[in-house]
């Protein structure tokens, strides 16, 4: 029953992360005003705010004005729940799960902000960086120097790329990689950077193919970083071991 209740709990978290991701970049409180329809401004009641189910039962429309509701809301609620449940299956029921769930939470919020506003807020990065520092005091993963070197490497590589490309990478992405470097360590953050570049390139090509991305026009890189970070965190060691086995 634990995975089931974890799934339900994470659905609620996903709903809250939608609020955080949409309001923080606009300087709004995450408490007030109450959730409302962005079209008719009608305050939503409990029946309108059931994660995923409210969207399904209302057929993706506001119950009051019948305007379409973005599928991004239930998508991130469901994605949060799935990732929370998958985490113990991938790494076991250990104290490290706290780090994993914190990482997932940060990445979900950041992807939401980047998709909607092309922005990764400093407030969110600072909050989670301090939280990771606190957690690492009590939940050691590797040695502290590995995390500190990871912080420097995570900042230096994208900063260098931004300098050489004259703005090819945003400041939010650079600071995000610095935080990820502290969480993942220096080897995994290098892998995450490589994977994010690969994923971002593939996403851009697919977007161009369908006319969603135009050449020379910036598009959100946060989702690519998030996917790469999760891959590196959960299975990065296996990827590196496989890669080095091909070389030697």
Protein backbone atom coordinates (compact mmCIF):
# COMPACT_ATOMS: atom_id res chain seq x y z
CA UNK A 1 0.00 0.00 0.00
CA UNK A 2 2.99 2.34 0.49
CA UNK A 3 3.52 3.00 -3.25
CA UNK A 4 -0.21 3.71 -3.64
CA UNK A 5 -0.30 6.30 -0.86
CA UNK A 6 3.01 7.71 -2.06
CA UNK A 7 1.45 8.14 -5.51
CA UNK A 8 -1.55 10.01 -4.08
CA UNK A 9 0.68 12.21 -1.92
CA UNK A 10 2.92 13.03 -4.89
CA UNK A 11 -0.12 13.95 -6.99
CA UNK A 12 -0.95 16.61 -4.40
CA UNK A 13 2.66 17.78 -4.43
CA UNK A 14 2.54 18.00 -8.22
CA UNK A 15 -0.52 20.22 -7.98
CA UNK A 16 1.30 22.46 -5.50
CA UNK A 17 4.40 22.58 -7.73
CA UNK A 18 2.20 23.87 -10.56
CA UNK A 19 1.20 26.77 -8.33
CA UNK A 20 4.80 27.47 -7.29
CA UNK A 21 6.10 27.28 -10.86
CA UNK A 22 3.42 29.62 -12.19
CA UNK A 23 3.41 32.20 -9.39
CA UNK A 24 6.99 32.64 -8.18
CA UNK A 25 8.32 34.08 -11.49
CA UNK A 26 5.52 36.67 -11.37
CA UNK A 27 6.35 37.67 -7.79
CA UNK A 28 3.02 36.34 -6.51
CA UNK A 29 2.28 34.63 -3.22
CA UNK A 30 1.86 30.86 -3.38
CA UNK A 31 -0.87 31.10 -0.74
CA UNK A 32 -3.10 33.94 -1.95
CA UNK A 33 -5.15 34.51 -3.97
CA UNK A 34 -6.87 31.13 -4.09
CA UNK A 35 -6.61 29.07 -7.26
CA UNK A 36 -8.85 30.40 -10.00
CA UNK A 37 -9.62 29.98 -13.67
CA UNK A 38 -7.19 32.07 -15.72
CA UNK A 39 -9.95 32.85 -18.23
CA UNK A 40 -13.04 33.77 -16.18
CA UNK A 41 -11.22 34.36 -12.84
CA UNK A 42 -13.75 32.18 -11.01
CA UNK A 43 -12.34 30.86 -7.72
CA UNK A 44 -11.99 27.09 -7.92
CA UNK A 45 -13.51 24.79 -5.33
CA UNK A 46 -12.22 21.49 -4.00
CA UNK A 47 -13.96 19.48 -6.72
CA UNK A 48 -12.11 21.53 -9.35
CA UNK A 49 -8.71 20.89 -7.77
CA UNK A 50 -8.54 17.10 -7.54
CA UNK A 51 -5.22 16.28 -9.24
CA UNK A 52 -5.64 14.76 -12.72
CA UNK A 53 -9.23 13.59 -12.07
CA UNK A 54 -10.75 17.08 -12.17
CA UNK A 55 -9.18 17.62 -15.58
CA UNK A 56 -10.45 14.27 -16.86
CA UNK A 57 -14.01 14.66 -15.53
CA UNK A 58 -14.33 18.21 -16.86
CA UNK A 59 -12.95 17.05 -20.23
CA UNK A 60 -10.12 19.55 -20.05
CA UNK A 61 -12.35 22.60 -19.69
CA UNK A 62 -13.23 25.08 -16.97
CA UNK A 63 -16.42 24.00 -15.24
CA UNK A 64 -17.70 27.60 -15.25
CA UNK A 65 -16.73 29.28 -18.52
CA UNK A 66 -15.98 26.12 -20.55
CA UNK A 67 -12.63 27.50 -21.76
CA UNK A 68 -9.93 24.91 -22.42
CA UNK A 69 -7.53 24.20 -19.55
CA UNK A 70 -3.88 23.57 -20.36
CA UNK A 71 -2.98 19.83 -20.20
CA UNK A 72 0.30 20.89 -18.60
CA UNK A 73 -1.40 20.97 -15.19
CA UNK A 74 -2.43 17.28 -15.00
CA UNK A 75 0.71 16.25 -16.90
CA UNK A 76 3.05 17.57 -14.20
CA UNK A 77 0.83 16.26 -11.41
CA UNK A 78 1.03 12.79 -12.93
CA UNK A 79 4.73 13.10 -13.76
CA UNK A 80 5.56 14.05 -10.17
CA UNK A 81 3.65 11.05 -8.84
CA UNK A 82 5.24 8.60 -11.28
CA UNK A 83 8.78 9.84 -10.53
CA UNK A 84 8.21 9.69 -6.77
CA UNK A 85 7.01 6.09 -6.99
CA UNK A 86 9.77 5.04 -9.40
CA UNK A 87 12.53 6.41 -7.16
CA UNK A 88 12.49 3.66 -4.50
CA UNK A 89 12.18 1.04 -7.23
CA UNK A 90 15.39 2.33 -8.80
CA UNK A 91 17.45 2.95 -5.67
CA UNK A 92 15.72 1.09 -2.82
CA UNK A 93 14.17 2.45 0.35
CA UNK A 94 17.18 4.33 1.67
CA UNK A 95 17.75 7.74 3.24
CA UNK A 96 19.03 8.89 -0.16
CA UNK A 97 15.40 8.91 -1.28
CA UNK A 98 15.04 12.25 0.48
CA UNK A 99 17.64 13.71 -1.88
CA UNK A 100 16.00 12.03 -4.89
CA UNK A 101 12.55 13.40 -4.07
CA UNK A 102 13.98 16.86 -3.42
CA UNK A 103 15.76 16.76 -6.78
CA UNK A 104 12.57 15.69 -8.56
CA UNK A 105 10.63 18.48 -6.84
CA UNK A 106 13.12 21.13 -7.89
CA UNK A 107 13.26 19.92 -11.48
CA UNK A 108 9.47 19.74 -11.83
CA UNK A 109 9.09 23.34 -10.65
CA UNK A 110 11.93 24.57 -12.85
CA UNK A 111 10.55 22.89 -15.96
CA UNK A 112 7.17 24.54 -15.31
CA UNK A 113 8.73 28.00 -14.94
CA UNK A 114 10.95 27.53 -17.98
CA UNK A 115 8.12 26.32 -20.21
CA UNK A 116 5.81 29.16 -19.25
CA UNK A 117 8.22 32.07 -18.82
CA UNK A 118 11.60 30.99 -20.28
CA UNK A 119 12.94 31.71 -16.80
CA UNK A 120 14.59 29.80 -13.96
CA UNK A 121 14.05 31.99 -10.86
CA UNK A 122 16.94 32.60 -8.47
CA UNK A 123 14.57 32.24 -5.51
CA UNK A 124 13.81 28.64 -6.42
CA UNK A 125 17.45 27.73 -7.06
CA UNK A 126 18.61 29.33 -3.80
CA UNK A 127 15.88 27.65 -1.76
CA UNK A 128 16.71 24.20 -3.09
CA UNK A 129 20.48 24.74 -2.90
CA UNK A 130 20.20 25.54 0.82
CA UNK A 131 17.88 22.57 1.27
CA UNK A 132 20.34 20.25 -0.48
CA UNK A 133 23.18 21.54 1.69
CA UNK A 134 21.15 20.83 4.83
CA UNK A 135 20.19 17.35 3.61
CA UNK A 136 23.76 16.44 2.64
CA UNK A 137 24.89 17.11 6.21
CA UNK A 138 22.70 14.26 7.41
CA UNK A 139 22.54 12.08 4.28
CA UNK A 140 26.07 11.69 2.89
CA UNK A 141 26.15 10.27 -0.63
CA UNK A 142 29.83 10.55 -1.45
CA UNK A 143 32.55 12.75 -0.01
CA UNK A 144 31.96 16.44 0.55
CA UNK A 145 34.85 17.43 -1.77
CA UNK A 146 33.07 15.59 -4.60
CA UNK A 147 30.01 17.78 -4.11
CA UNK A 148 32.01 21.00 -3.80
CA UNK A 149 34.05 20.19 -6.92
CA UNK A 150 30.77 19.30 -8.63
CA UNK A 151 29.43 22.75 -7.71
CA UNK A 152 32.44 24.43 -9.35
CA UNK A 153 32.43 22.16 -12.41
CA UNK A 154 28.66 22.51 -12.80
CA UNK A 155 29.05 26.28 -12.89
CA UNK A 156 32.26 26.48 -14.93
CA UNK A 157 31.33 24.32 -17.94
CA UNK A 158 28.07 26.05 -18.94
CA UNK A 159 29.57 29.46 -18.07
CA UNK A 160 32.44 28.75 -20.46
CA UNK A 161 29.98 27.64 -23.14
CA UNK A 162 27.95 30.83 -22.61
CA UNK A 163 31.09 32.95 -23.00
CA UNK A 164 32.32 31.18 -26.12
CA UNK A 165 28.87 31.18 -27.73
CA UNK A 166 28.20 34.76 -26.62
CA UNK A 167 24.96 34.06 -24.81
CA UNK A 168 24.15 30.62 -26.13
CA UNK A 169 23.20 29.54 -22.61
CA UNK A 170 21.13 31.52 -20.12
CA UNK A 171 22.20 32.55 -16.66
CA UNK A 172 19.44 30.46 -15.10
CA UNK A 173 20.74 27.34 -16.84
CA UNK A 174 24.27 28.05 -15.57
CA UNK A 175 23.12 28.44 -11.97
CA UNK A 176 20.95 25.34 -12.28
CA UNK A 177 23.96 23.29 -13.37
CA UNK A 178 25.89 24.63 -10.37
CA UNK A 179 23.19 23.33 -8.02
CA UNK A 180 23.06 20.04 -9.91
CA UNK A 181 26.84 19.78 -9.61
CA UNK A 182 26.54 19.94 -5.83
CA UNK A 183 23.86 17.25 -5.84
CA UNK A 184 25.34 14.90 -8.43
CA UNK A 185 29.08 15.33 -7.95
CA UNK A 186 31.58 16.33 -10.61
CA UNK A 187 31.46 13.18 -12.76
CA UNK A 188 27.69 13.00 -12.95
CA UNK A 189 27.25 16.71 -13.66
CA UNK A 190 29.60 16.41 -16.64
CA UNK A 191 27.50 13.49 -17.87
CA UNK A 192 24.32 15.53 -17.25
CA UNK A 193 25.71 18.42 -19.28
CA UNK A 194 26.57 16.14 -22.20
CA UNK A 195 23.18 14.40 -22.09
CA UNK A 196 21.27 17.68 -21.80
CA UNK A 197 23.05 19.02 -24.89
CA UNK A 198 22.20 15.85 -26.80
CA UNK A 199 18.56 15.83 -25.63
CA UNK A 200 18.22 19.56 -26.32
CA UNK A 201 19.57 19.13 -29.86
CA UNK A 202 17.15 16.28 -30.58
CA UNK A 203 14.24 18.28 -29.11
CA UNK A 204 15.17 21.31 -31.25
CA UNK A 205 15.34 19.23 -34.42
CA UNK A 206 11.96 17.65 -33.70
CA UNK A 207 10.53 21.08 -32.89
CA UNK A 208 11.83 22.48 -36.18
CA UNK A 209 10.37 19.52 -38.03
CA UNK A 210 6.91 20.31 -36.67
CA UNK A 211 7.33 24.07 -36.90
CA UNK A 212 7.34 24.62 -33.14
CA UNK A 213 10.94 25.82 -32.97
CA UNK A 214 12.50 28.40 -35.27
CA UNK A 215 16.19 28.64 -36.05
CA UNK A 216 17.90 31.33 -33.98
CA UNK A 217 14.92 31.71 -31.63
CA UNK A 218 15.58 30.62 -28.00
CA UNK A 219 13.51 27.78 -26.59
CA UNK A 220 13.31 26.34 -23.05
CA UNK A 221 16.43 24.31 -22.21
CA UNK A 222 15.25 23.49 -18.67
CA UNK A 223 13.31 20.34 -19.66
CA UNK A 224 16.39 18.88 -21.37
CA UNK A 225 18.51 19.63 -18.31
CA UNK A 226 15.90 18.03 -16.04
CA UNK A 227 15.73 14.80 -18.04
CA UNK A 228 19.53 14.61 -18.24
CA UNK A 229 19.90 15.26 -14.50
CA UNK A 230 17.47 12.47 -13.57
CA UNK A 231 19.15 10.01 -15.92
CA UNK A 232 22.56 10.91 -14.50
CA UNK A 233 21.35 10.69 -10.91
CA UNK A 234 19.60 7.33 -11.15
CA UNK A 235 21.62 5.41 -13.76
CA UNK A 236 24.67 7.59 -14.41
CA UNK A 237 27.13 5.12 -12.91
CA UNK A 238 25.84 2.35 -15.17
CA UNK A 239 26.15 4.60 -18.22
CA UNK A 240 29.74 5.54 -17.36
CA UNK A 241 30.69 1.93 -16.63
CA UNK A 242 29.23 0.86 -19.98
CA UNK A 243 31.03 3.67 -21.80
CA UNK A 244 34.42 2.93 -20.25
CA UNK A 245 33.97 -0.80 -20.92
CA UNK A 246 33.86 0.06 -24.62
CA UNK A 247 37.16 1.94 -24.37
CA UNK A 248 39.16 -0.64 -22.43
